[in-house]
Amino acid sequence: MRGLLQLTLVQAKLYLREPIATFFTIFYAPLTLVLFGSIYGNEPSRVFGMRGTIDVSVPAYIALIIATVGLIGLPISTATERETGVLRRYRATPLHPLAYLISYIATYLVMTLVGVLLLILVGRLGWNLRFDGNVLSVLGGFFLGALSIFAFGFLVASLSPTARIAQTVGMVLAFPMMFISGATIPWEFLPDGVKKVAEFIPLTHVVRVLRTLWAGGSWGEVWVSALVLAGVLVVCSALSARFFRWE
């Protein structure tokens, strides 16, 4: 356990030393919220069920942070460490290989949570962000969404022979997902044709779960999306374990 904690601490320090990863994980979503909050404000709107733009944007931007970390940061970092021989050295240590994976996931979860907390703080202080949900339910939705997207990211890293390919594939997957899932553009403004396509995108279900639970909805309202995310988590984890390479 001590070795696992030390490894996780080292991973966190290495993460914070990467300015691009730190920016997009911790500061990108809050700054985006400031930009659009300054433009649209947070007045209740019938389009959003008498909630404000900020009220619906914050849970959606949580999904945005998850996608940025899980589909871009995680695959690139994992593939880079494999390419440079870092993973091979981890495997040669007395720690069980599973300890590396656990520390990696824990690090990304903690960093994602830091970005989420800063996002919520900005929304609360700047626009009196409204929250009608249950904290434990929202946390459950967050962890389900994050772990499913992280598993997807690990699969990309497992199948990518180089860091450059992992970066390309991750970005090709991430950016369309961000824009047609409701993570950046509110779901209410997307054309019907785009919505039909978006139903097949995991991030859409992350956004739906978080927005519903944030607004006070129940798991019963999003059980289909929760089932989809659970399926993504199980399938991608199994495939990642099958194809993951240490060198």
Protein backbone atom coordinates (compact mmCIF):
# COMPACT_ATOMS: atom_id res chain seq x y z
CA MET A 1 0.00 0.00 0.00
CA ARG A 2 2.83 2.39 0.84
CA GLY A 3 4.45 1.75 -2.52
CA LEU A 4 1.15 2.37 -4.28
CA LEU A 5 0.67 5.70 -2.49
CA GLN A 6 4.21 6.80 -3.31
CA LEU A 7 3.77 5.84 -6.95
CA THR A 8 0.48 7.76 -7.11
CA LEU A 9 2.16 10.83 -5.59
CA VAL A 10 4.95 10.64 -8.15
CA GLN A 11 2.42 10.31 -10.98
CA ALA A 12 0.55 13.37 -9.71
CA LYS A 13 3.75 15.43 -9.57
CA LEU A 14 4.69 14.38 -13.09
CA TYR A 15 1.20 15.29 -14.28
CA LEU A 16 1.40 18.78 -12.82
CA ARG A 17 4.76 19.33 -14.50
CA GLU A 18 3.08 19.05 -17.90
CA PRO A 19 1.69 22.56 -18.54
CA ILE A 20 -0.58 21.55 -21.43
CA ALA A 21 -2.16 18.65 -19.54
CA THR A 22 -2.58 20.80 -16.42
CA PHE A 23 -4.20 23.62 -18.39
CA PHE A 24 -6.75 21.48 -20.19
CA THR A 25 -7.58 19.42 -17.10
CA ILE A 26 -7.86 22.18 -14.50
CA PHE A 27 -8.27 25.54 -16.21
CA TYR A 28 -9.79 25.04 -19.68
CA ALA A 29 -13.39 24.35 -18.61
CA PRO A 30 -13.53 27.12 -15.95
CA LEU A 31 -12.15 29.64 -18.45
CA THR A 32 -14.68 28.50 -21.05
CA LEU A 33 -17.40 28.96 -18.45
CA VAL A 34 -16.19 32.50 -17.75
CA LEU A 35 -16.26 33.29 -21.48
CA PHE A 36 -19.78 32.05 -22.16
CA GLY A 37 -21.07 33.16 -18.78
CA SER A 38 -19.97 36.70 -19.62
CA ILE A 39 -21.89 36.48 -22.88
CA TYR A 40 -25.09 34.69 -21.87
CA GLY A 41 -25.32 35.15 -18.11
CA ASN A 42 -27.42 32.76 -16.07
CA GLU A 43 -30.98 34.01 -16.37
CA PRO A 44 -33.63 31.25 -16.21
CA SER A 45 -34.74 30.14 -19.66
CA ARG A 46 -37.68 28.05 -20.83
CA VAL A 47 -35.33 26.31 -23.23
CA PHE A 48 -33.51 24.84 -20.24
CA GLY A 49 -36.57 24.17 -18.09
CA MET A 50 -36.29 27.52 -16.29
CA ARG A 51 -32.64 26.96 -15.49
CA GLY A 52 -29.84 29.26 -16.61
CA THR A 53 -27.09 28.70 -19.15
CA ILE A 54 -24.50 28.28 -16.41
CA ASP A 55 -26.76 25.86 -14.53
CA VAL A 56 -26.85 23.46 -17.48
CA SER A 57 -23.33 24.17 -18.71
CA VAL A 58 -21.46 23.20 -15.53
CA PRO A 59 -22.52 19.52 -15.47
CA ALA A 60 -21.92 19.36 -19.23
CA TYR A 61 -18.45 20.87 -18.81
CA ILE A 62 -17.68 18.23 -16.20
CA ALA A 63 -18.13 15.73 -19.03
CA LEU A 64 -15.87 17.95 -21.15
CA ILE A 65 -13.09 17.67 -18.56
CA ILE A 66 -13.57 13.91 -18.41
CA ALA A 67 -13.28 13.64 -22.20
CA THR A 68 -10.18 15.83 -22.32
CA VAL A 69 -8.42 13.75 -19.70
CA GLY A 70 -9.66 10.33 -20.77
CA LEU A 71 -9.40 10.59 -24.54
CA ILE A 72 -6.42 12.91 -24.99
CA GLY A 73 -4.26 13.09 -21.88
CA LEU A 74 -4.45 9.45 -20.82
CA PRO A 75 -3.73 7.76 -24.20
CA ILE A 76 -0.89 10.13 -25.05
CA SER A 77 0.79 9.78 -21.66
CA THR A 78 0.43 6.00 -21.56
CA ALA A 79 1.70 5.52 -25.11
CA THR A 80 4.60 7.92 -24.49
CA GLU A 81 5.69 6.07 -21.36
CA ARG A 82 5.54 2.76 -23.22
CA GLU A 83 7.50 4.19 -26.15
CA THR A 84 10.22 5.64 -23.91
CA GLY A 85 10.56 2.47 -21.85
CA VAL A 86 9.03 3.82 -18.64
CA LEU A 87 6.33 1.14 -18.52
CA ARG A 88 8.93 -1.60 -18.94
CA ARG A 89 10.81 -0.23 -15.93
CA TYR A 90 7.59 -0.09 -13.88
CA ARG A 91 7.00 -3.74 -14.66
CA ALA A 92 10.50 -4.62 -13.45
CA THR A 93 9.93 -3.11 -10.00
CA PRO A 94 8.78 -5.20 -7.00
CA LEU A 95 5.32 -3.62 -7.27
CA HIS A 96 2.60 -5.64 -8.95
CA PRO A 97 1.82 -4.33 -12.46
CA LEU A 98 -1.73 -3.68 -11.29
CA ALA A 99 -0.37 -1.10 -8.85
CA TYR A 100 0.80 1.00 -11.78
CA LEU A 101 -2.63 0.93 -13.38
CA ILE A 102 -4.37 1.78 -10.11
CA SER A 103 -2.03 4.70 -9.41
CA TYR A 104 -2.50 5.98 -12.93
CA ILE A 105 -6.30 5.88 -12.74
CA ALA A 106 -6.26 7.42 -9.26
CA THR A 107 -4.04 10.26 -10.46
CA TYR A 108 -6.30 11.07 -13.39
CA LEU A 109 -9.41 10.90 -11.23
CA VAL A 110 -7.93 13.28 -8.66
CA MET A 111 -6.77 15.75 -11.31
CA THR A 112 -10.17 15.60 -12.99
CA LEU A 113 -11.85 16.27 -9.64
CA VAL A 114 -9.62 19.30 -9.09
CA GLY A 115 -10.77 20.71 -12.44
CA VAL A 116 -14.39 19.95 -11.58
CA LEU A 117 -14.17 21.65 -8.18
CA LEU A 118 -12.63 24.76 -9.73
CA LEU A 119 -15.37 24.77 -12.38
CA ILE A 120 -18.09 24.57 -9.73
CA LEU A 121 -16.41 27.27 -7.65
CA VAL A 122 -16.30 29.65 -10.64
CA GLY A 123 -19.93 28.95 -11.45
CA ARG A 124 -21.01 29.46 -7.86
CA LEU A 125 -19.08 32.67 -7.22
CA GLY A 126 -19.64 34.21 -10.62
CA TRP A 127 -23.24 33.27 -11.44
CA ASN A 128 -24.79 31.75 -8.31
CA LEU A 129 -24.77 28.28 -9.81
CA ARG A 130 -27.89 26.29 -9.01
CA PHE A 131 -27.68 22.71 -7.77
CA ASP A 132 -30.81 20.66 -7.08
CA GLY A 133 -29.34 17.17 -7.06
CA ASN A 134 -28.01 14.76 -4.48
CA VAL A 135 -24.25 15.02 -3.97
CA LEU A 136 -23.74 11.26 -3.68
CA SER A 137 -25.77 10.59 -6.81
CA VAL A 138 -23.81 13.16 -8.80
CA LEU A 139 -20.52 11.72 -7.51
CA GLY A 140 -21.71 8.28 -8.57
CA GLY A 141 -22.52 9.63 -12.03
CA PHE A 142 -19.14 11.33 -12.19
CA PHE A 143 -17.19 8.19 -11.32
CA LEU A 144 -19.23 6.02 -13.68
CA GLY A 145 -18.72 8.48 -16.54
CA ALA A 146 -15.05 9.07 -15.79
CA LEU A 147 -14.14 5.40 -15.45
CA SER A 148 -15.98 4.47 -18.65
CA ILE A 149 -14.21 7.19 -20.69
CA PHE A 150 -10.87 6.37 -19.05
CA ALA A 151 -11.33 2.72 -20.02
CA PHE A 152 -11.98 3.90 -23.57
CA GLY A 153 -8.78 5.95 -23.40
CA PHE A 154 -6.78 2.98 -22.14
CA LEU A 155 -8.07 0.98 -25.09
CA VAL A 156 -6.84 3.68 -27.48
CA ALA A 157 -3.45 3.61 -25.75
CA SER A 158 -3.33 -0.18 -25.86
CA LEU A 159 -4.00 -0.33 -29.59
CA SER A 160 -1.78 2.61 -30.59
CA PRO A 161 1.78 1.56 -31.50
CA THR A 162 3.23 5.05 -30.91
CA ALA A 163 2.48 8.19 -28.93
CA ARG A 164 1.88 10.16 -32.14
CA ILE A 165 -0.79 7.73 -33.26
CA ALA A 166 -2.36 7.76 -29.78
CA GLN A 167 -2.47 11.57 -29.94
CA THR A 168 -4.03 11.57 -33.39
CA VAL A 169 -6.63 8.91 -32.60
CA GLY A 170 -7.47 10.50 -29.25
CA MET A 171 -8.07 13.92 -30.78
CA VAL A 172 -10.04 12.52 -33.71
CA LEU A 173 -12.32 10.78 -31.22
CA ALA A 174 -12.45 13.51 -28.58
CA PHE A 175 -13.26 16.68 -30.50
CA PRO A 176 -16.28 15.41 -32.46
CA MET A 177 -17.58 13.86 -29.23
CA MET A 178 -17.22 17.16 -27.39
CA PHE A 179 -19.21 19.12 -29.95
CA ILE A 180 -22.07 16.73 -30.74
CA SER A 181 -22.63 15.17 -27.32
CA GLY A 182 -23.90 18.28 -25.55
CA ALA A 183 -20.64 18.74 -23.63
CA THR A 184 -19.94 22.11 -25.28
CA ILE A 185 -23.05 23.08 -27.27
CA PRO A 186 -26.19 22.53 -25.17
CA TRP A 187 -28.17 19.47 -26.25
CA GLU A 188 -31.27 21.63 -26.79
CA PHE A 189 -29.57 23.49 -29.65
CA LEU A 190 -28.36 20.46 -31.60
CA PRO A 191 -30.18 19.50 -34.83
CA ASP A 192 -32.28 16.33 -34.72
CA GLY A 193 -29.96 14.55 -37.15
CA VAL A 194 -26.96 15.25 -34.96
CA LYS A 195 -28.85 14.03 -31.90
CA LYS A 196 -29.53 10.69 -33.58
CA VAL A 197 -25.83 10.23 -34.27
CA ALA A 198 -24.89 11.42 -30.79
CA GLU A 199 -26.88 8.59 -29.19
CA PHE A 200 -24.08 6.23 -30.26
CA ILE A 201 -21.39 8.31 -28.53
CA PRO A 202 -20.42 7.42 -24.94
CA LEU A 203 -19.85 11.05 -23.96
CA THR A 204 -23.48 11.85 -24.78
CA HIS A 205 -24.54 9.49 -22.03
CA VAL A 206 -22.06 11.01 -19.59
CA VAL A 207 -23.56 14.44 -20.26
CA ARG A 208 -27.10 13.10 -19.91
CA VAL A 209 -26.39 11.36 -16.61
CA LEU A 210 -24.62 14.37 -15.09
CA ARG A 211 -27.15 16.96 -16.27
CA THR A 212 -30.11 14.89 -15.08
CA LEU A 213 -28.67 14.10 -11.66
CA TRP A 214 -27.41 17.66 -11.23
CA ALA A 215 -30.91 19.00 -11.83
CA GLY A 216 -32.42 16.71 -9.22
CA GLY A 217 -33.44 13.83 -11.48
CA SER A 218 -33.17 10.19 -10.48
CA TRP A 219 -31.14 7.27 -11.77
CA GLY A 220 -34.40 5.83 -13.01
CA GLU A 221 -34.55 8.60 -15.60
CA VAL A 222 -31.11 7.80 -16.99
CA TRP A 223 -30.90 4.05 -16.48
CA VAL A 224 -30.35 3.43 -20.19
CA SER A 225 -27.40 5.86 -20.29
CA ALA A 226 -26.02 4.36 -17.07
CA LEU A 227 -26.27 0.88 -18.62
CA VAL A 228 -24.48 2.08 -21.76
CA LEU A 229 -21.64 3.57 -19.71
CA ALA A 230 -21.36 0.41 -17.61
CA GLY A 231 -21.14 -1.58 -20.83
CA VAL A 232 -18.43 0.72 -22.20
CA LEU A 233 -16.50 0.33 -18.94
CA VAL A 234 -16.67 -3.47 -18.94
CA VAL A 235 -15.98 -3.98 -22.65
CA CYS A 236 -13.17 -1.44 -22.94
CA SER A 237 -11.54 -2.67 -19.72
CA ALA A 238 -11.60 -6.25 -21.00
CA LEU A 239 -10.18 -5.27 -24.38
CA SER A 240 -7.54 -3.04 -22.77
CA ALA A 241 -6.42 -5.91 -20.55
CA ARG A 242 -6.23 -8.15 -23.61
CA PHE A 243 -4.22 -5.80 -25.81
CA PHE A 244 -2.25 -3.71 -23.30
CA ARG A 245 1.49 -3.83 -23.91
CA TRP A 246 4.22 -2.80 -21.49
CA GLU A 247 6.80 -2.35 -24.23
